[in-house]
């Protein structure tokens, strides 16, 4: 038996952001219809370890049934060394025989599909005229989210803030040559958020970096960075003021510090989640209802998203001859 091995560069080549946004919409719609099976991710967090390991399995039925498993390590200090905080692999298995078909770089899959899901949420929830983007963070997800936001809205300007101003400046200089709109590094989160109608939080913060008084009426937020119940990026007042949408309720109730802290502090009730993104795609729940309300998408990342991305990359690789085959 042979398996297909795909590097980070090969995954990036085979999974362009515009295509991935549409793939994620289909995956989330399938989840809402009950066409996919996904347990909660299992997290291994040994005491004293520099990072954690998450195991994310999923199954997708249909004409091409498949199992997927992402084994991904999250090492926050990697960012200081210029490395992606997410390291690991995505395994794709035949849903008919269980045979391993492909092994691919998880950093690339995670970076692209996470931003693509935010693209789906933004396309559904942001105002049509939204185009003043604030990005908090200057790492891998900041870069991929800039691409995703540019796919779904006509951006007028971008302001980026990071823990270190030098990082934000390096991001702005790097991205300026790739996009037609101005990209400016600013010294504070408040300066980045002033008047922004699109907001992406892609930080490694454990405590809130977004304060309610800085968020403009009518803004849409994609809250991406905190994926553990002990961490959050936005304060409870922001959560309370916003209409909250999620990738999956079960994940939010178990894994989202942004939600759980606000709930514990009494700022929101257990019914604060308006809908899953898949339910919006299905048409079973409303999204934005006025131009003045604040909408917030809390992203945690789902195994069905990794599986859908991996299945697409596998098909494209076989069609184009990309990748390396190895005996297994």
C-alpha atoms as a PDB file:
ATOM      1  CA  UNK A   1       0.000   0.000   0.000  1.00  0.00           C
ATOM      2  CA  UNK A   2       1.153   3.533  -0.773  1.00  0.00           C
ATOM      3  CA  UNK A   3       0.173   6.800   0.887  1.00  0.00           C
ATOM      4  CA  UNK A   4       0.355  10.344  -0.434  1.00  0.00           C
ATOM      5  CA  UNK A   5       2.447  12.790   1.589  1.00  0.00           C
ATOM      6  CA  UNK A   6       1.879  16.524   1.172  1.00  0.00           C
ATOM      7  CA  UNK A   7       4.104  19.270   2.560  1.00  0.00           C
ATOM      8  CA  UNK A   8       3.089  22.677   3.859  1.00  0.00           C
ATOM      9  CA  UNK A   9       3.906  24.350   0.538  1.00  0.00           C
ATOM     10  CA  UNK A  10       1.969  21.719  -1.393  1.00  0.00           C
ATOM     11  CA  UNK A  11      -1.118  22.086   0.810  1.00  0.00           C
ATOM     12  CA  UNK A  12      -0.982  25.861   0.395  1.00  0.00           C
ATOM     13  CA  UNK A  13      -0.784  25.459  -3.379  1.00  0.00           C
ATOM     14  CA  UNK A  14      -3.734  23.060  -3.528  1.00  0.00           C
ATOM     15  CA  UNK A  15      -6.004  24.910  -1.088  1.00  0.00           C
ATOM     16  CA  UNK A  16      -6.427  28.542  -2.215  1.00  0.00           C
ATOM     17  CA  UNK A  17      -8.437  30.678   0.163  1.00  0.00           C
ATOM     18  CA  UNK A  18     -11.326  31.410  -2.185  1.00  0.00           C
ATOM     19  CA  UNK A  19     -11.911  27.705  -2.845  1.00  0.00           C
ATOM     20  CA  UNK A  20     -11.514  26.821   0.819  1.00  0.00           C
ATOM     21  CA  UNK A  21     -14.213  29.291   1.877  1.00  0.00           C
ATOM     22  CA  UNK A  22     -16.707  27.490  -0.352  1.00  0.00           C
ATOM     23  CA  UNK A  23     -15.485  24.082   0.868  1.00  0.00           C
ATOM     24  CA  UNK A  24     -15.984  25.148   4.490  1.00  0.00           C
ATOM     25  CA  UNK A  25     -19.506  26.357   3.759  1.00  0.00           C
ATOM     26  CA  UNK A  26     -20.368  22.928   2.348  1.00  0.00           C
ATOM     27  CA  UNK A  27     -18.758  21.174   5.334  1.00  0.00           C
ATOM     28  CA  UNK A  28     -20.634  23.255   7.907  1.00  0.00           C
ATOM     29  CA  UNK A  29     -23.880  22.830   6.031  1.00  0.00           C
ATOM     30  CA  UNK A  30     -23.336  19.061   6.038  1.00  0.00           C
ATOM     31  CA  UNK A  31     -22.699  19.129   9.783  1.00  0.00           C
ATOM     32  CA  UNK A  32     -25.950  21.029  10.342  1.00  0.00           C
ATOM     33  CA  UNK A  33     -27.773  18.412   8.277  1.00  0.00           C
ATOM     34  CA  UNK A  34     -26.345  15.570  10.341  1.00  0.00           C
ATOM     35  CA  UNK A  35     -24.264  14.208   7.479  1.00  0.00           C
ATOM     36  CA  UNK A  36     -21.014  14.211   9.463  1.00  0.00           C
ATOM     37  CA  UNK A  37     -19.986  12.664  12.757  1.00  0.00           C
ATOM     38  CA  UNK A  38     -17.639  14.502  15.085  1.00  0.00           C
ATOM     39  CA  UNK A  39     -16.875  13.921  18.777  1.00  0.00           C
ATOM     40  CA  UNK A  40     -15.301  16.602  20.909  1.00  0.00           C
ATOM     41  CA  UNK A  41     -11.559  16.868  20.475  1.00  0.00           C
ATOM     42  CA  UNK A  42      -9.398  15.097  23.032  1.00  0.00           C
ATOM     43  CA  UNK A  43      -6.709  17.275  24.603  1.00  0.00           C
ATOM     44  CA  UNK A  44      -3.556  15.915  26.237  1.00  0.00           C
ATOM     45  CA  UNK A  45      -2.019  18.539  28.511  1.00  0.00           C
ATOM     46  CA  UNK A  46       0.782  17.003  30.629  1.00  0.00           C
ATOM     47  CA  UNK A  47       1.837  19.039  33.688  1.00  0.00           C
ATOM     48  CA  UNK A  48       4.956  21.022  32.937  1.00  0.00           C
ATOM     49  CA  UNK A  49       4.893  20.389  29.191  1.00  0.00           C
ATOM     50  CA  UNK A  50       5.685  23.280  26.831  1.00  0.00           C
ATOM     51  CA  UNK A  51       2.496  22.652  24.871  1.00  0.00           C
ATOM     52  CA  UNK A  52      -0.480  20.371  24.429  1.00  0.00           C
ATOM     53  CA  UNK A  53      -1.625  17.782  21.929  1.00  0.00           C
ATOM     54  CA  UNK A  54      -5.156  17.732  20.516  1.00  0.00           C
ATOM     55  CA  UNK A  55      -6.667  14.758  18.680  1.00  0.00           C
ATOM     56  CA  UNK A  56      -9.525  15.681  16.346  1.00  0.00           C
ATOM     57  CA  UNK A  57     -11.349  12.831  14.560  1.00  0.00           C
ATOM     58  CA  UNK A  58     -14.300  13.117  12.180  1.00  0.00           C
ATOM     59  CA  UNK A  59     -16.291  11.107   9.646  1.00  0.00           C
ATOM     60  CA  UNK A  60     -17.985  12.340   6.479  1.00  0.00           C
ATOM     61  CA  UNK A  61     -20.461  10.160   4.612  1.00  0.00           C
ATOM     62  CA  UNK A  62     -21.851  10.572   1.105  1.00  0.00           C
ATOM     63  CA  UNK A  63     -20.468   9.503  -2.253  1.00  0.00           C
ATOM     64  CA  UNK A  64     -16.876   9.568  -0.981  1.00  0.00           C
ATOM     65  CA  UNK A  65     -17.002   8.518   2.669  1.00  0.00           C
ATOM     66  CA  UNK A  66     -13.864   9.282   4.653  1.00  0.00           C
ATOM     67  CA  UNK A  67     -12.435   9.394   8.126  1.00  0.00           C
ATOM     68  CA  UNK A  68     -10.053  12.131   9.158  1.00  0.00           C
ATOM     69  CA  UNK A  69      -7.808  12.625  12.139  1.00  0.00           C
ATOM     70  CA  UNK A  70      -5.830  15.723  12.941  1.00  0.00           C
ATOM     71  CA  UNK A  71      -3.145  15.359  15.590  1.00  0.00           C
ATOM     72  CA  UNK A  72      -1.999  18.864  16.360  1.00  0.00           C
ATOM     73  CA  UNK A  73       0.294  20.290  18.994  1.00  0.00           C
ATOM     74  CA  UNK A  74      -0.274  23.815  20.285  1.00  0.00           C
ATOM     75  CA  UNK A  75       2.932  25.456  21.536  1.00  0.00           C
ATOM     76  CA  UNK A  76       2.328  29.188  22.231  1.00  0.00           C
ATOM     77  CA  UNK A  77       6.002  30.043  22.683  1.00  0.00           C
ATOM     78  CA  UNK A  78       6.700  28.990  19.097  1.00  0.00           C
ATOM     79  CA  UNK A  79       5.532  32.439  18.029  1.00  0.00           C
ATOM     80  CA  UNK A  80       8.499  34.032  19.785  1.00  0.00           C
ATOM     81  CA  UNK A  81      10.823  31.870  17.674  1.00  0.00           C
ATOM     82  CA  UNK A  82       9.025  32.767  14.446  1.00  0.00           C
ATOM     83  CA  UNK A  83       7.295  29.384  14.188  1.00  0.00           C
ATOM     84  CA  UNK A  84       3.627  28.490  13.884  1.00  0.00           C
ATOM     85  CA  UNK A  85       2.102  27.710  17.278  1.00  0.00           C
ATOM     86  CA  UNK A  86       0.225  24.816  15.634  1.00  0.00           C
ATOM     87  CA  UNK A  87       2.285  21.795  14.590  1.00  0.00           C
ATOM     88  CA  UNK A  88       1.057  18.411  13.452  1.00  0.00           C
ATOM     89  CA  UNK A  89      -0.465  16.282  10.739  1.00  0.00           C
ATOM     90  CA  UNK A  90      -3.799  15.494   9.150  1.00  0.00           C
ATOM     91  CA  UNK A  91      -4.477  11.867   8.273  1.00  0.00           C
ATOM     92  CA  UNK A  92      -7.079  10.942   5.654  1.00  0.00           C
ATOM     93  CA  UNK A  93      -8.549   7.432   5.632  1.00  0.00           C
ATOM     94  CA  UNK A  94     -10.884   5.625   3.253  1.00  0.00           C
ATOM     95  CA  UNK A  95     -14.374   5.456   4.685  1.00  0.00           C
ATOM     96  CA  UNK A  96     -14.912   2.127   2.921  1.00  0.00           C
ATOM     97  CA  UNK A  97     -11.791   0.146   3.852  1.00  0.00           C
ATOM     98  CA  UNK A  98     -10.169   2.213   6.611  1.00  0.00           C
ATOM     99  CA  UNK A  99      -6.898   2.358   4.670  1.00  0.00           C
ATOM    100  CA  UNK A 100      -4.692   5.388   5.200  1.00  0.00           C
ATOM    101  CA  UNK A 101      -4.717   7.446   2.003  1.00  0.00           C
ATOM    102  CA  UNK A 102      -2.842  10.653   2.727  1.00  0.00           C
ATOM    103  CA  UNK A 103      -0.703  12.416   5.294  1.00  0.00           C
ATOM    104  CA  UNK A 104      -0.471  16.196   5.124  1.00  0.00           C
ATOM    105  CA  UNK A 105       0.904  19.179   6.991  1.00  0.00           C
ATOM    106  CA  UNK A 106      -1.552  20.310   9.679  1.00  0.00           C
ATOM    107  CA  UNK A 107      -0.135  23.809  10.067  1.00  0.00           C
ATOM    108  CA  UNK A 108      -1.123  24.675   6.510  1.00  0.00           C
ATOM    109  CA  UNK A 109      -4.541  23.019   6.738  1.00  0.00           C
ATOM    110  CA  UNK A 110      -5.293  24.737  10.062  1.00  0.00           C
ATOM    111  CA  UNK A 111      -4.160  28.178   8.933  1.00  0.00           C
ATOM    112  CA  UNK A 112      -6.207  28.138   5.739  1.00  0.00           C
ATOM    113  CA  UNK A 113      -9.384  26.413   6.892  1.00  0.00           C
ATOM    114  CA  UNK A 114      -9.643  28.472  10.105  1.00  0.00           C
ATOM    115  CA  UNK A 115      -9.548  31.727   8.181  1.00  0.00           C
ATOM    116  CA  UNK A 116     -11.857  30.296   5.532  1.00  0.00           C
ATOM    117  CA  UNK A 117     -14.496  29.517   8.173  1.00  0.00           C
ATOM    118  CA  UNK A 118     -14.211  33.103   9.398  1.00  0.00           C
ATOM    119  CA  UNK A 119     -14.711  34.063   5.762  1.00  0.00           C
ATOM    120  CA  UNK A 120     -17.956  32.086   5.687  1.00  0.00           C
ATOM    121  CA  UNK A 121     -19.121  33.745   8.913  1.00  0.00           C
ATOM    122  CA  UNK A 122     -18.168  37.199   7.663  1.00  0.00           C
ATOM    123  CA  UNK A 123     -19.937  36.665   4.364  1.00  0.00           C
ATOM    124  CA  UNK A 124     -23.101  35.754   6.293  1.00  0.00           C
ATOM    125  CA  UNK A 125     -22.943  38.222   9.192  1.00  0.00           C
ATOM    126  CA  UNK A 126     -20.940  41.355   8.374  1.00  0.00           C
ATOM    127  CA  UNK A 127     -22.633  44.374   6.849  1.00  0.00           C
ATOM    128  CA  UNK A 128     -22.385  44.431   3.064  1.00  0.00           C
ATOM    129  CA  UNK A 129     -20.500  47.736   3.181  1.00  0.00           C
ATOM    130  CA  UNK A 130     -18.030  46.609   5.861  1.00  0.00           C
ATOM    131  CA  UNK A 131     -14.450  47.275   4.807  1.00  0.00           C
ATOM    132  CA  UNK A 132     -12.531  48.854   7.697  1.00  0.00           C
ATOM    133  CA  UNK A 133     -10.644  45.864   9.110  1.00  0.00           C
ATOM    134  CA  UNK A 134      -8.821  45.607  12.436  1.00  0.00           C
ATOM    135  CA  UNK A 135      -6.558  42.605  12.992  1.00  0.00           C
ATOM    136  CA  UNK A 136      -5.242  41.839  16.457  1.00  0.00           C
ATOM    137  CA  UNK A 137      -2.169  39.650  16.213  1.00  0.00           C
ATOM    138  CA  UNK A 138       0.523  39.446  13.563  1.00  0.00           C
ATOM    139  CA  UNK A 139       1.147  35.723  13.209  1.00  0.00           C
ATOM    140  CA  UNK A 140       0.032  32.933  10.911  1.00  0.00           C
ATOM    141  CA  UNK A 141      -3.694  33.404  11.508  1.00  0.00           C
ATOM    142  CA  UNK A 142      -3.439  37.166  11.021  1.00  0.00           C
ATOM    143  CA  UNK A 143      -1.962  36.560   7.569  1.00  0.00           C
ATOM    144  CA  UNK A 144      -4.501  33.957   6.527  1.00  0.00           C
ATOM    145  CA  UNK A 145      -7.400  36.002   7.888  1.00  0.00           C
ATOM    146  CA  UNK A 146      -6.339  39.032   5.881  1.00  0.00           C
ATOM    147  CA  UNK A 147      -6.639  36.877   2.757  1.00  0.00           C
ATOM    148  CA  UNK A 148     -10.028  35.553   3.827  1.00  0.00           C
ATOM    149  CA  UNK A 149     -11.472  38.958   4.679  1.00  0.00           C
ATOM    150  CA  UNK A 150     -10.293  40.320   1.323  1.00  0.00           C
ATOM    151  CA  UNK A 151     -12.133  37.462  -0.395  1.00  0.00           C
ATOM    152  CA  UNK A 152     -15.537  38.245   1.130  1.00  0.00           C
ATOM    153  CA  UNK A 153     -15.547  42.028   1.540  1.00  0.00           C
ATOM    154  CA  UNK A 154     -14.105  45.002  -0.339  1.00  0.00           C
ATOM    155  CA  UNK A 155     -11.553  46.245   2.163  1.00  0.00           C
ATOM    156  CA  UNK A 156     -10.851  49.968   2.347  1.00  0.00           C
ATOM    157  CA  UNK A 157      -8.106  49.874   4.940  1.00  0.00           C
ATOM    158  CA  UNK A 158      -6.519  47.547   7.481  1.00  0.00           C
ATOM    159  CA  UNK A 159      -5.033  48.353  10.875  1.00  0.00           C
ATOM    160  CA  UNK A 160      -3.027  45.750  12.756  1.00  0.00           C
ATOM    161  CA  UNK A 161      -2.001  45.722  16.411  1.00  0.00           C
ATOM    162  CA  UNK A 162       0.188  43.192  18.146  1.00  0.00           C
ATOM    163  CA  UNK A 163       1.776  42.746  21.548  1.00  0.00           C
ATOM    164  CA  UNK A 164       4.979  44.058  19.996  1.00  0.00           C
ATOM    165  CA  UNK A 165       4.681  47.052  17.671  1.00  0.00           C
ATOM    166  CA  UNK A 166       7.645  45.754  15.661  1.00  0.00           C
ATOM    167  CA  UNK A 167       5.681  42.605  14.822  1.00  0.00           C
ATOM    168  CA  UNK A 168       2.718  44.656  13.606  1.00  0.00           C
ATOM    169  CA  UNK A 169       5.050  46.821  11.517  1.00  0.00           C
ATOM    170  CA  UNK A 170       6.706  43.778   9.959  1.00  0.00           C
ATOM    171  CA  UNK A 171       3.262  42.366   9.152  1.00  0.00           C
ATOM    172  CA  UNK A 172       2.132  45.619   7.533  1.00  0.00           C
ATOM    173  CA  UNK A 173       5.288  45.882   5.429  1.00  0.00           C
ATOM    174  CA  UNK A 174       5.060  42.260   4.304  1.00  0.00           C
ATOM    175  CA  UNK A 175       1.359  42.381   3.413  1.00  0.00           C
ATOM    176  CA  UNK A 176       1.361  45.834   1.788  1.00  0.00           C
ATOM    177  CA  UNK A 177       2.844  44.460  -1.407  1.00  0.00           C
ATOM    178  CA  UNK A 178       0.178  41.771  -1.678  1.00  0.00           C
ATOM    179  CA  UNK A 179      -2.961  43.910  -1.460  1.00  0.00           C
ATOM    180  CA  UNK A 180      -4.253  47.150  -3.036  1.00  0.00           C
ATOM    181  CA  UNK A 181      -5.603  48.698   0.187  1.00  0.00           C
ATOM    182  CA  UNK A 182      -3.514  50.468   2.867  1.00  0.00           C
ATOM    183  CA  UNK A 183      -2.266  48.364   5.784  1.00  0.00           C
ATOM    184  CA  UNK A 184      -1.148  50.271   8.866  1.00  0.00           C
ATOM    185  CA  UNK A 185       0.533  49.109  12.064  1.00  0.00           C
ATOM    186  CA  UNK A 186      -0.786  50.852  15.171  1.00  0.00           C
ATOM    187  CA  UNK A 187       0.493  50.928  18.725  1.00  0.00           C
ATOM    188  CA  UNK A 188      -2.649  49.824  20.584  1.00  0.00           C
ATOM    189  CA  UNK A 189      -5.726  47.662  20.317  1.00  0.00           C
ATOM    190  CA  UNK A 190      -7.901  50.725  20.908  1.00  0.00           C
ATOM    191  CA  UNK A 191      -6.336  52.486  17.910  1.00  0.00           C
ATOM    192  CA  UNK A 192      -6.869  49.413  15.720  1.00  0.00           C
ATOM    193  CA  UNK A 193     -10.523  49.038  16.693  1.00  0.00           C
ATOM    194  CA  UNK A 194     -11.534  52.696  16.365  1.00  0.00           C
ATOM    195  CA  UNK A 195     -14.324  52.786  13.770  1.00  0.00           C
ATOM    196  CA  UNK A 196     -13.583  49.257  12.514  1.00  0.00           C
ATOM    197  CA  UNK A 197     -16.563  47.368  11.135  1.00  0.00           C
ATOM    198  CA  UNK A 198     -14.613  44.120  10.690  1.00  0.00           C
ATOM    199  CA  UNK A 199     -12.510  42.763  13.561  1.00  0.00           C
ATOM    200  CA  UNK A 200     -10.313  39.672  13.726  1.00  0.00           C
ATOM    201  CA  UNK A 201      -8.761  38.618  17.027  1.00  0.00           C
ATOM    202  CA  UNK A 202      -5.954  36.140  16.385  1.00  0.00           C
ATOM    203  CA  UNK A 203      -3.808  36.502  19.477  1.00  0.00           C
ATOM    204  CA  UNK A 204      -2.280  34.183  22.053  1.00  0.00           C
ATOM    205  CA  UNK A 205      -3.776  36.259  24.889  1.00  0.00           C
ATOM    206  CA  UNK A 206      -5.120  34.602  28.016  1.00  0.00           C
ATOM    207  CA  UNK A 207      -6.919  37.755  29.239  1.00  0.00           C
ATOM    208  CA  UNK A 208      -9.233  40.044  27.238  1.00  0.00           C
ATOM    209  CA  UNK A 209      -7.591  42.360  24.743  1.00  0.00           C
ATOM    210  CA  UNK A 210     -10.914  43.689  23.387  1.00  0.00           C
ATOM    211  CA  UNK A 211     -12.963  46.055  25.540  1.00  0.00           C
ATOM    212  CA  UNK A 212     -16.610  46.763  24.747  1.00  0.00           C
ATOM    213  CA  UNK A 213     -16.136  50.543  24.660  1.00  0.00           C
ATOM    214  CA  UNK A 214     -13.733  50.175  21.718  1.00  0.00           C
ATOM    215  CA  UNK A 215     -16.127  48.183  19.487  1.00  0.00           C
ATOM    216  CA  UNK A 216     -18.195  50.281  17.087  1.00  0.00           C
ATOM    217  CA  UNK A 217     -21.899  49.752  16.479  1.00  0.00           C
ATOM    218  CA  UNK A 218     -22.522  47.476  13.517  1.00  0.00           C
ATOM    219  CA  UNK A 219     -19.144  45.740  13.745  1.00  0.00           C
ATOM    220  CA  UNK A 220     -18.613  42.058  13.067  1.00  0.00           C
ATOM    221  CA  UNK A 221     -15.994  40.184  15.099  1.00  0.00           C
ATOM    222  CA  UNK A 222     -14.248  36.910  14.262  1.00  0.00           C
ATOM    223  CA  UNK A 223     -12.820  35.749  17.603  1.00  0.00           C
ATOM    224  CA  UNK A 224     -10.243  33.114  16.772  1.00  0.00           C
ATOM    225  CA  UNK A 225      -7.237  33.017  19.076  1.00  0.00           C
ATOM    226  CA  UNK A 226      -8.510  31.490  22.338  1.00  0.00           C
ATOM    227  CA  UNK A 227      -9.513  27.842  21.975  1.00  0.00           C
ATOM    228  CA  UNK A 228      -9.272  26.731  25.601  1.00  0.00           C
ATOM    229  CA  UNK A 229     -11.744  27.252  28.479  1.00  0.00           C
ATOM    230  CA  UNK A 230      -9.012  29.044  30.457  1.00  0.00           C
ATOM    231  CA  UNK A 231      -8.290  31.750  27.850  1.00  0.00           C
ATOM    232  CA  UNK A 232     -10.257  34.568  26.256  1.00  0.00           C
ATOM    233  CA  UNK A 233      -9.695  37.538  23.960  1.00  0.00           C
ATOM    234  CA  UNK A 234     -12.838  39.626  24.476  1.00  0.00           C
ATOM    235  CA  UNK A 235     -14.344  40.910  27.703  1.00  0.00           C
ATOM    236  CA  UNK A 236     -17.694  39.817  29.080  1.00  0.00           C
ATOM    237  CA  UNK A 237     -19.328  43.122  28.145  1.00  0.00           C
ATOM    238  CA  UNK A 238     -18.478  42.577  24.476  1.00  0.00           C
ATOM    239  CA  UNK A 239     -19.890  39.059  24.595  1.00  0.00           C
ATOM    240  CA  UNK A 240     -23.069  40.388  26.196  1.00  0.00           C
ATOM    241  CA  UNK A 241     -23.495  43.197  23.656  1.00  0.00           C
ATOM    242  CA  UNK A 242     -23.015  40.968  20.616  1.00  0.00           C
ATOM    243  CA  UNK A 243     -25.244  38.494  18.850  1.00  0.00           C
ATOM    244  CA  UNK A 244     -23.183  35.319  19.257  1.00  0.00           C
ATOM    245  CA  UNK A 245     -22.706  32.735  16.505  1.00  0.00           C
ATOM    246  CA  UNK A 246     -20.524  29.642  16.762  1.00  0.00           C
ATOM    247  CA  UNK A 247     -19.131  26.812  14.683  1.00  0.00           C
ATOM    248  CA  UNK A 248     -20.658  24.249  17.060  1.00  0.00           C
ATOM    249  CA  UNK A 249     -22.603  24.612  20.295  1.00  0.00           C
ATOM    250  CA  UNK A 250     -21.084  21.565  21.988  1.00  0.00           C
ATOM    251  CA  UNK A 251     -17.576  22.845  21.380  1.00  0.00           C
ATOM    252  CA  UNK A 252     -18.447  26.316  22.657  1.00  0.00           C
ATOM    253  CA  UNK A 253     -20.014  25.029  25.860  1.00  0.00           C
ATOM    254  CA  UNK A 254     -16.963  22.901  26.626  1.00  0.00           C
ATOM    255  CA  UNK A 255     -14.000  24.759  25.160  1.00  0.00           C
ATOM    256  CA  UNK A 256     -14.605  28.493  24.736  1.00  0.00           C
ATOM    257  CA  UNK A 257     -13.169  30.683  27.478  1.00  0.00           C
ATOM    258  CA  UNK A 258     -14.716  33.737  25.804  1.00  0.00           C
ATOM    259  CA  UNK A 259     -18.159  32.206  26.343  1.00  0.00           C
ATOM    260  CA  UNK A 260     -17.537  30.435  29.654  1.00  0.00           C
ATOM    261  CA  UNK A 261     -16.007  33.410  31.474  1.00  0.00           C
ATOM    262  CA  UNK A 262     -18.865  35.679  30.383  1.00  0.00           C
ATOM    263  CA  UNK A 263     -21.354  33.048  31.524  1.00  0.00           C
ATOM    264  CA  UNK A 264     -19.622  32.628  34.897  1.00  0.00           C
ATOM    265  CA  UNK A 265     -19.528  36.390  35.426  1.00  0.00           C
ATOM    266  CA  UNK A 266     -23.273  36.622  34.787  1.00  0.00           C
ATOM    267  CA  UNK A 267     -22.929  38.796  31.690  1.00  0.00           C
ATOM    268  CA  UNK A 268     -24.762  36.285  29.491  1.00  0.00           C
ATOM    269  CA  UNK A 269     -27.172  33.410  29.985  1.00  0.00           C
ATOM    270  CA  UNK A 270     -27.077  29.852  28.644  1.00  0.00           C
ATOM    271  CA  UNK A 271     -29.297  30.847  25.702  1.00  0.00           C
ATOM    272  CA  UNK A 272     -26.919  33.540  24.415  1.00  0.00           C
ATOM    273  CA  UNK A 273     -25.773  31.483  21.406  1.00  0.00           C
ATOM    274  CA  UNK A 274     -27.987  32.527  18.493  1.00  0.00           C
ATOM    275  CA  UNK A 275     -27.023  29.839  15.987  1.00  0.00           C
ATOM    276  CA  UNK A 276     -24.305  27.711  14.482  1.00  0.00           C
ATOM    277  CA  UNK A 277     -22.919  28.896  11.152  1.00  0.00           C
ATOM    278  CA  UNK A 278     -24.273  25.731   9.539  1.00  0.00           C
ATOM    279  CA  UNK A 279     -27.777  26.657  10.701  1.00  0.00           C
ATOM    280  CA  UNK A 280     -27.444  30.030   8.985  1.00  0.00           C
ATOM    281  CA  UNK A 281     -26.408  28.257   5.789  1.00  0.00           C
ATOM    282  CA  UNK A 282     -29.340  25.877   6.195  1.00  0.00           C
ATOM    283  CA  UNK A 283     -31.715  28.816   6.609  1.00  0.00           C
ATOM    284  CA  UNK A 284     -33.049  27.562   9.933  1.00  0.00           C
ATOM    285  CA  UNK A 285     -31.869  30.583  11.944  1.00  0.00           C
ATOM    286  CA  UNK A 286     -31.516  34.302  11.254  1.00  0.00           C
ATOM    287  CA  UNK A 287     -28.181  36.098  11.139  1.00  0.00           C
ATOM    288  CA  UNK A 288     -27.702  39.866  11.335  1.00  0.00           C
ATOM    289  CA  UNK A 289     -31.019  41.660  11.788  1.00  0.00           C
ATOM    290  CA  UNK A 290     -29.907  45.312  11.662  1.00  0.00           C
ATOM    291  CA  UNK A 291     -27.018  47.463  10.573  1.00  0.00           C
ATOM    292  CA  UNK A 292     -26.346  48.687  14.103  1.00  0.00           C
ATOM    293  CA  UNK A 293     -26.074  45.417  15.986  1.00  0.00           C
ATOM    294  CA  UNK A 294     -22.737  43.810  16.789  1.00  0.00           C
ATOM    295  CA  UNK A 295     -22.255  40.262  15.556  1.00  0.00           C
ATOM    296  CA  UNK A 296     -19.585  37.924  16.894  1.00  0.00           C
ATOM    297  CA  UNK A 297     -18.418  34.596  15.512  1.00  0.00           C
ATOM    298  CA  UNK A 298     -16.577  32.503  18.082  1.00  0.00           C
ATOM    299  CA  UNK A 299     -14.309  30.114  16.195  1.00  0.00           C
ATOM    300  CA  UNK A 300     -12.954  26.996  17.869  1.00  0.00           C
ATOM    301  CA  UNK A 301     -12.097  24.892  14.830  1.00  0.00           C
ATOM    302  CA  UNK A 302     -13.764  21.601  13.969  1.00  0.00           C
ATOM    303  CA  UNK A 303     -12.461  18.251  12.792  1.00  0.00           C
ATOM    304  CA  UNK A 304     -15.040  18.198   9.992  1.00  0.00           C
ATOM    305  CA  UNK A 305     -13.358  21.330   8.623  1.00  0.00           C
ATOM    306  CA  UNK A 306      -9.977  19.584   8.604  1.00  0.00           C
ATOM    307  CA  UNK A 307     -11.507  16.512   6.966  1.00  0.00           C
ATOM    308  CA  UNK A 308     -13.212  18.530   4.228  1.00  0.00           C
ATOM    309  CA  UNK A 309     -10.017  20.464   3.524  1.00  0.00           C
ATOM    310  CA  UNK A 310      -7.910  17.296   3.511  1.00  0.00           C
ATOM    311  CA  UNK A 311     -10.290  15.474   1.167  1.00  0.00           C
ATOM    312  CA  UNK A 312     -10.160  18.392  -1.271  1.00  0.00           C
ATOM    313  CA  UNK A 313      -6.362  18.610  -1.103  1.00  0.00           C
ATOM    314  CA  UNK A 314      -6.080  14.856  -1.651  1.00  0.00           C
ATOM    315  CA  UNK A 315      -8.299  14.972  -4.754  1.00  0.00           C
ATOM    316  CA  UNK A 316      -6.453  17.936  -6.230  1.00  0.00           C
ATOM    317  CA  UNK A 317      -3.068  16.357  -5.531  1.00  0.00           C
ATOM    318  CA  UNK A 318      -4.036  13.162  -7.349  1.00  0.00           C
ATOM    319  CA  UNK A 319      -5.416  15.152 -10.286  1.00  0.00           C
ATOM    320  CA  UNK A 320      -2.311  17.312 -10.646  1.00  0.00           C
ATOM    321  CA  UNK A 321       0.447  14.902  -9.631  1.00  0.00           C
ATOM    322  CA  UNK A 322       1.504  16.966  -6.615  1.00  0.00           C
ATOM    323  CA  UNK A 323       3.000  15.268  -3.557  1.00  0.00           C
ATOM    324  CA  UNK A 324       5.208  12.320  -2.723  1.00  0.00           C
ATOM    325  CA  UNK A 325       4.116   8.685  -2.651  1.00  0.00           C
ATOM    326  CA  UNK A 326       5.575   6.353  -0.020  1.00  0.00           C
ATOM    327  CA  UNK A 327       5.200   2.670   0.748  1.00  0.00           C
ATOM    328  CA  UNK A 328       3.332   2.118   3.983  1.00  0.00           C
END
